[in-house]
Amino acid sequence: MLQIKSLQFARNRYSAILLLAAATVFAQTSTQPPITPPQTSAAQAVPLNPALPTVFIVGDSTARNQADLGWGDHFAHYFDTTRINVANRARAGRSSRTFINEGSWDHVLTEIKPGDYVLLQMGHNDGGSLHGPKARGSLKGLGEETRDVTLPDGHSETVHTYGWYMRKYIADIRAKKATPILLSLTIRNIWKNGPDGKPHIERDMGYDAELRQLAATEHVAFVDMATVEADRLEAEGPEKTALLFPIDHTHTSAEGAELNAQSVAIALRDAHSPLAAYLKGR
């Protein structure tokens, strides 16, 4: 059984409280994509052993955000890396659309081989502008609708729906004879009182139903790490949870990234994913 270590919340409580106070300038109910944090110390990619299968992580800043601030940088130590590679290929600020259009996805495709796995976690940035200075949004829904937009540099682009981009990932992965896995999105530090009068954390920022429907129609595994994470954060309560989100309601500290990595590992085990066979202490 997977061994889950208890979290060590902020070592310096006074500093964490100061950071929390600064974070109050952010609107905790904002539905806009988060600002991409400065990328000054991105973790280096570990060389892959070609003799082993690889699990790739494709996502945004919640999975890779400077060194150790994305859950993907904490993921490998839950696996027996003598039997499987763990490759974090997430990029901060990317959406399902821009990860493809900027060429990041093409690069990952060159690495994928038969027998590999790809964890897909996109959505935090898909609600952004379609054509503004940070043109990264996708159209809502799972359909085939498109919209032609003119970008600030003057060139035009046909924007598709979130579902269209996610289906492209799935099809491309399968063409490589690898296995796609859809992940629910990491939880944001947004709380509201429920019918019971107690505070409850936001559990879905609007993509859960679409991911579940995609999983059903495309016959892809859906791994619900968000529910695991939300349950654990609610058990800690708003005050302790706030210490894990020192910048805004989306981006975590290293401790928060560790919790997210643990939550993904737990969710893989609970979903009886083939990847669970590679977890330590399963």
Protein backbone atom coordinates (compact mmCIF):
# COMPACT_ATOMS: atom_id res chain seq x y z
CA MET A 1 0.00 0.00 0.00
CA LEU A 2 1.25 3.42 -0.93
CA GLN A 3 2.88 5.09 2.06
CA ILE A 4 1.62 8.66 2.43
CA LYS A 5 3.74 10.87 4.61
CA SER A 6 2.03 13.61 6.56
CA LEU A 7 2.58 17.11 5.21
CA GLN A 8 4.95 19.48 6.91
CA PHE A 9 3.21 22.88 6.73
CA ALA A 10 5.26 26.09 6.44
CA ARG A 11 8.37 25.91 8.59
CA ASN A 12 8.38 29.59 9.27
CA ARG A 13 4.82 30.49 10.22
CA TYR A 14 5.54 34.19 10.53
CA SER A 15 6.91 34.41 6.97
CA ALA A 16 4.00 32.38 5.67
CA ILE A 17 1.51 34.70 7.33
CA LEU A 18 3.20 37.69 5.69
CA LEU A 19 2.96 35.99 2.33
CA LEU A 20 -0.66 35.17 2.98
CA ALA A 21 -1.41 38.79 3.79
CA ALA A 22 0.15 39.88 0.52
CA ALA A 23 -1.96 37.31 -1.31
CA THR A 24 -5.18 38.98 -0.20
CA VAL A 25 -4.86 41.40 -3.08
CA PHE A 26 -5.91 38.57 -5.37
CA ALA A 27 -9.64 38.02 -5.88
CA GLN A 28 -10.31 34.60 -4.45
CA THR A 29 -13.41 34.16 -6.57
CA SER A 30 -11.75 35.06 -9.89
CA THR A 31 -12.59 32.84 -12.82
CA GLN A 32 -9.79 34.25 -14.99
CA PRO A 33 -6.68 32.13 -15.66
CA PRO A 34 -3.84 32.87 -13.25
CA ILE A 35 -0.89 35.05 -14.15
CA THR A 36 2.09 32.92 -15.13
CA PRO A 37 4.73 33.19 -12.39
CA PRO A 38 8.30 34.12 -13.41
CA GLN A 39 10.19 31.08 -14.69
CA THR A 40 13.66 31.61 -13.29
CA SER A 41 14.71 28.18 -12.11
CA ALA A 42 12.87 25.55 -14.11
CA ALA A 43 13.86 22.01 -13.14
CA GLN A 44 16.04 20.20 -15.64
CA ALA A 45 14.65 17.19 -17.47
CA VAL A 46 16.16 13.88 -16.33
CA PRO A 47 17.50 11.73 -19.22
CA LEU A 48 15.14 8.86 -20.05
CA ASN A 49 16.21 5.22 -20.00
CA PRO A 50 15.11 3.94 -23.43
CA ALA A 51 14.78 0.40 -22.07
CA LEU A 52 11.98 1.43 -19.68
CA PRO A 53 8.41 2.62 -20.20
CA THR A 54 7.86 6.30 -19.46
CA VAL A 55 5.02 8.20 -17.84
CA PHE A 56 4.88 11.72 -19.31
CA ILE A 57 3.18 14.65 -17.56
CA VAL A 58 1.59 17.20 -19.91
CA GLY A 59 0.11 20.22 -18.17
CA ASP A 60 0.65 23.80 -17.01
CA SER A 61 2.26 25.67 -14.10
CA THR A 62 0.41 23.59 -11.51
CA ALA A 63 2.58 20.68 -12.69
CA ARG A 64 5.77 22.60 -13.55
CA ASN A 65 6.44 26.04 -12.11
CA GLN A 66 10.04 26.91 -11.38
CA ALA A 67 11.99 24.25 -9.49
CA ASP A 68 9.86 22.13 -7.14
CA LEU A 69 6.73 24.35 -7.26
CA GLY A 70 4.78 22.08 -9.61
CA TRP A 71 3.54 18.65 -8.59
CA GLY A 72 5.32 16.99 -11.53
CA ASP A 73 8.69 17.77 -9.94
CA HIS A 74 7.62 15.77 -6.87
CA PHE A 75 6.14 12.81 -8.70
CA ALA A 76 9.11 10.57 -9.47
CA HIS A 77 9.86 9.56 -5.90
CA TYR A 78 6.51 7.75 -5.68
CA PHE A 79 7.63 5.38 -8.43
CA ASP A 80 10.17 2.62 -8.75
CA THR A 81 12.34 4.46 -11.27
CA THR A 82 14.36 1.29 -11.91
CA ARG A 83 11.22 0.10 -13.73
CA ILE A 84 9.71 3.28 -15.23
CA ASN A 85 10.84 6.78 -16.26
CA VAL A 86 8.92 9.84 -15.01
CA ALA A 87 9.14 12.77 -17.45
CA ASN A 88 7.61 16.12 -16.51
CA ARG A 89 6.93 17.96 -19.76
CA ALA A 90 4.40 20.48 -18.42
CA ARG A 91 4.94 24.16 -19.24
CA ALA A 92 3.75 27.13 -17.20
CA GLY A 93 1.07 29.33 -18.73
CA ARG A 94 0.04 26.85 -21.40
CA SER A 95 -3.48 25.79 -22.29
CA SER A 96 -4.69 22.79 -24.27
CA ARG A 97 -4.41 25.08 -27.31
CA THR A 98 -1.02 26.75 -26.81
CA PHE A 99 0.82 23.62 -25.67
CA ILE A 100 0.07 22.34 -29.17
CA ASN A 101 0.41 25.55 -31.20
CA GLU A 102 3.74 26.58 -29.68
CA GLY A 103 5.36 23.26 -30.56
CA SER A 104 5.66 21.73 -27.09
CA TRP A 105 3.39 18.84 -27.98
CA ASP A 106 5.35 18.00 -31.14
CA HIS A 107 8.48 17.76 -29.00
CA VAL A 108 6.80 15.37 -26.54
CA LEU A 109 5.52 13.24 -29.44
CA THR A 110 9.09 12.67 -30.60
CA GLU A 111 9.82 11.12 -27.19
CA ILE A 112 6.77 8.89 -26.82
CA LYS A 113 7.23 5.23 -27.70
CA PRO A 114 4.93 2.17 -27.59
CA GLY A 115 4.04 1.15 -24.05
CA ASP A 116 4.41 4.63 -22.57
CA TYR A 117 1.76 6.58 -20.61
CA VAL A 118 0.76 10.25 -20.83
CA LEU A 119 -1.00 12.05 -17.98
CA LEU A 120 -3.01 14.93 -19.50
CA GLN A 121 -4.02 17.78 -17.18
CA MET A 122 -5.14 20.93 -18.99
CA GLY A 123 -7.72 23.62 -18.23
CA HIS A 124 -6.39 26.25 -15.84
CA ASN A 125 -5.46 28.53 -18.75
CA ASP A 126 -8.16 27.57 -21.23
CA GLY A 127 -10.52 30.28 -20.03
CA GLY A 128 -8.20 33.06 -21.19
CA SER A 129 -8.49 35.44 -24.12
CA LEU A 130 -8.83 33.99 -27.61
CA HIS A 131 -6.93 36.79 -29.34
CA GLY A 132 -5.44 39.26 -26.81
CA PRO A 133 -1.81 39.74 -25.76
CA LYS A 134 -1.95 36.33 -24.04
CA ALA A 135 -4.02 34.46 -26.60
CA ARG A 136 -4.28 31.06 -24.99
CA GLY A 137 -8.00 30.42 -24.46
CA SER A 138 -9.96 27.68 -26.17
CA LEU A 139 -13.65 27.62 -27.06
CA LYS A 140 -15.86 26.09 -24.41
CA GLY A 141 -17.32 22.65 -24.89
CA LEU A 142 -16.47 19.42 -26.65
CA GLY A 143 -17.86 20.11 -30.12
CA GLU A 144 -16.35 20.92 -33.49
CA GLU A 145 -17.04 24.67 -33.39
CA THR A 146 -14.23 26.98 -34.49
CA ARG A 147 -13.51 30.69 -34.48
CA ASP A 148 -10.99 32.52 -36.64
CA VAL A 149 -9.06 35.16 -34.70
CA THR A 150 -6.38 37.71 -35.52
CA LEU A 151 -3.51 37.71 -33.03
CA PRO A 152 -1.52 40.77 -31.91
CA ASP A 153 1.31 39.96 -34.32
CA GLY A 154 -1.16 40.09 -37.20
CA HIS A 155 -1.41 36.45 -38.15
CA SER A 156 -4.70 34.57 -38.04
CA GLU A 157 -5.50 31.34 -36.20
CA THR A 158 -8.45 28.99 -36.13
CA VAL A 159 -9.33 28.31 -32.50
CA HIS A 160 -11.03 25.03 -31.58
CA THR A 161 -12.91 23.81 -28.53
CA TYR A 162 -11.30 22.41 -25.41
CA GLY A 163 -12.66 19.00 -26.38
CA TRP A 164 -11.14 19.20 -29.87
CA TYR A 165 -7.67 19.85 -28.48
CA MET A 166 -7.99 17.11 -25.86
CA ARG A 167 -9.15 14.61 -28.48
CA LYS A 168 -6.09 15.51 -30.57
CA TYR A 169 -3.81 14.65 -27.64
CA ILE A 170 -5.61 11.35 -27.16
CA ALA A 171 -5.46 10.43 -30.86
CA ASP A 172 -1.78 11.37 -31.16
CA ILE A 173 -0.87 9.32 -28.09
CA ARG A 174 -2.74 6.28 -29.37
CA ALA A 175 -1.06 6.63 -32.75
CA LYS A 176 2.21 6.16 -30.86
CA LYS A 177 0.74 2.98 -29.26
CA ALA A 178 0.92 4.64 -25.85
CA THR A 179 -1.80 5.12 -23.21
CA PRO A 180 -3.50 8.49 -22.55
CA ILE A 181 -4.87 9.19 -19.06
CA LEU A 182 -7.04 12.21 -18.25
CA LEU A 183 -6.45 13.92 -14.90
CA SER A 184 -8.89 16.23 -13.15
CA LEU A 185 -7.45 19.69 -12.44
CA THR A 186 -5.61 20.68 -9.29
CA ILE A 187 -7.77 22.40 -6.68
CA ARG A 188 -7.82 26.17 -6.22
CA ASN A 189 -7.81 27.75 -2.76
CA ILE A 190 -11.37 29.10 -3.02
CA TRP A 191 -13.79 28.39 -0.18
CA LYS A 192 -17.52 28.93 0.28
CA ASN A 193 -19.92 27.99 3.03
CA GLY A 194 -22.03 24.98 2.15
CA PRO A 195 -25.63 24.11 3.14
CA ASP A 196 -24.21 22.75 6.39
CA GLY A 197 -22.85 26.21 7.24
CA LYS A 198 -19.26 24.97 7.09
CA PRO A 199 -16.57 26.17 4.64
CA HIS A 200 -15.95 23.88 1.67
CA ILE A 201 -13.24 24.20 -0.94
CA GLU A 202 -13.99 24.54 -4.65
CA ARG A 203 -13.86 21.08 -6.22
CA ASP A 204 -14.39 21.85 -9.90
CA MET A 205 -13.43 24.99 -11.83
CA GLY A 206 -15.62 23.99 -14.75
CA TYR A 207 -13.91 21.15 -16.62
CA ASP A 208 -14.82 18.08 -14.58
CA ALA A 209 -17.96 17.17 -16.54
CA GLU A 210 -16.18 17.65 -19.86
CA LEU A 211 -13.27 15.46 -18.82
CA ARG A 212 -15.61 12.73 -17.61
CA GLN A 213 -17.56 12.87 -20.87
CA LEU A 214 -14.35 12.75 -22.90
CA ALA A 215 -13.20 9.75 -20.90
CA ALA A 216 -16.47 7.96 -21.59
CA THR A 217 -16.74 8.74 -25.30
CA GLU A 218 -13.05 8.23 -26.07
CA HIS A 219 -12.71 5.18 -23.78
CA VAL A 220 -9.88 6.78 -21.86
CA ALA A 221 -9.16 6.39 -18.16
CA PHE A 222 -10.16 9.37 -16.00
CA VAL A 223 -8.18 9.73 -12.77
CA ASP A 224 -9.81 12.06 -10.26
CA MET A 225 -6.89 13.52 -8.31
CA ALA A 226 -8.93 16.67 -7.58
CA THR A 227 -11.35 14.87 -5.26
CA VAL A 228 -8.44 13.28 -3.39
CA GLU A 229 -6.75 16.66 -3.03
CA ALA A 230 -9.96 18.47 -2.04
CA ASP A 231 -10.74 15.90 0.66
CA ARG A 232 -7.28 16.30 2.13
CA LEU A 233 -7.39 20.11 2.06
CA GLU A 234 -10.83 20.22 3.66
CA ALA A 235 -9.52 17.98 6.44
CA GLU A 236 -6.81 20.59 7.09
CA GLY A 237 -9.20 23.54 6.89
CA PRO A 238 -8.92 27.01 5.29
CA GLU A 239 -6.17 28.41 7.51
CA LYS A 240 -3.67 25.58 7.02
CA THR A 241 -4.58 25.27 3.36
CA ALA A 242 -3.84 28.97 2.84
CA LEU A 243 -0.23 28.35 3.88
CA LEU A 244 0.14 26.09 0.85
CA PHE A 245 -0.94 28.87 -1.54
CA PRO A 246 1.42 31.79 -0.75
CA ILE A 247 1.09 33.58 -4.12
CA ASP A 248 -2.51 33.24 -5.29
CA HIS A 249 -5.37 30.75 -5.22
CA THR A 250 -3.87 28.51 -7.93
CA HIS A 251 -0.11 28.18 -7.45
CA THR A 252 1.25 26.27 -4.48
CA SER A 253 4.39 26.22 -2.41
CA ALA A 254 6.72 23.23 -2.65
CA GLU A 255 4.74 21.65 0.22
CA GLY A 256 1.55 22.10 -1.76
CA ALA A 257 3.16 20.59 -4.85
CA GLU A 258 4.15 17.58 -2.77
CA LEU A 259 0.56 17.18 -1.60
CA ASN A 260 -0.64 17.31 -5.21
CA ALA A 261 1.88 14.70 -6.30
CA GLN A 262 0.72 12.45 -3.47
CA SER A 263 -2.88 13.01 -4.51
CA VAL A 264 -2.15 11.96 -8.08
CA ALA A 265 -0.42 8.81 -6.83
CA ILE A 266 -3.33 7.98 -4.52
CA ALA A 267 -5.85 8.60 -7.31
CA LEU A 268 -3.92 6.31 -9.69
CA ARG A 269 -3.99 3.57 -7.09
CA ASP A 270 -7.68 4.10 -6.32
CA ALA A 271 -8.52 4.01 -10.04
CA HIS A 272 -6.65 0.70 -10.43
CA SER A 273 -4.56 2.31 -13.15
CA PRO A 274 -1.86 0.16 -14.79
CA LEU A 275 0.55 2.82 -13.52
CA ALA A 276 -0.21 1.76 -9.95
CA ALA A 277 1.92 -1.33 -10.57
CA TYR A 278 4.98 0.95 -10.69
CA LEU A 279 4.26 2.81 -7.44
CA LYS A 280 6.48 2.23 -4.44
CA GLY A 281 4.87 0.44 -1.51
CA ARG A 282 1.75 -0.44 -3.50
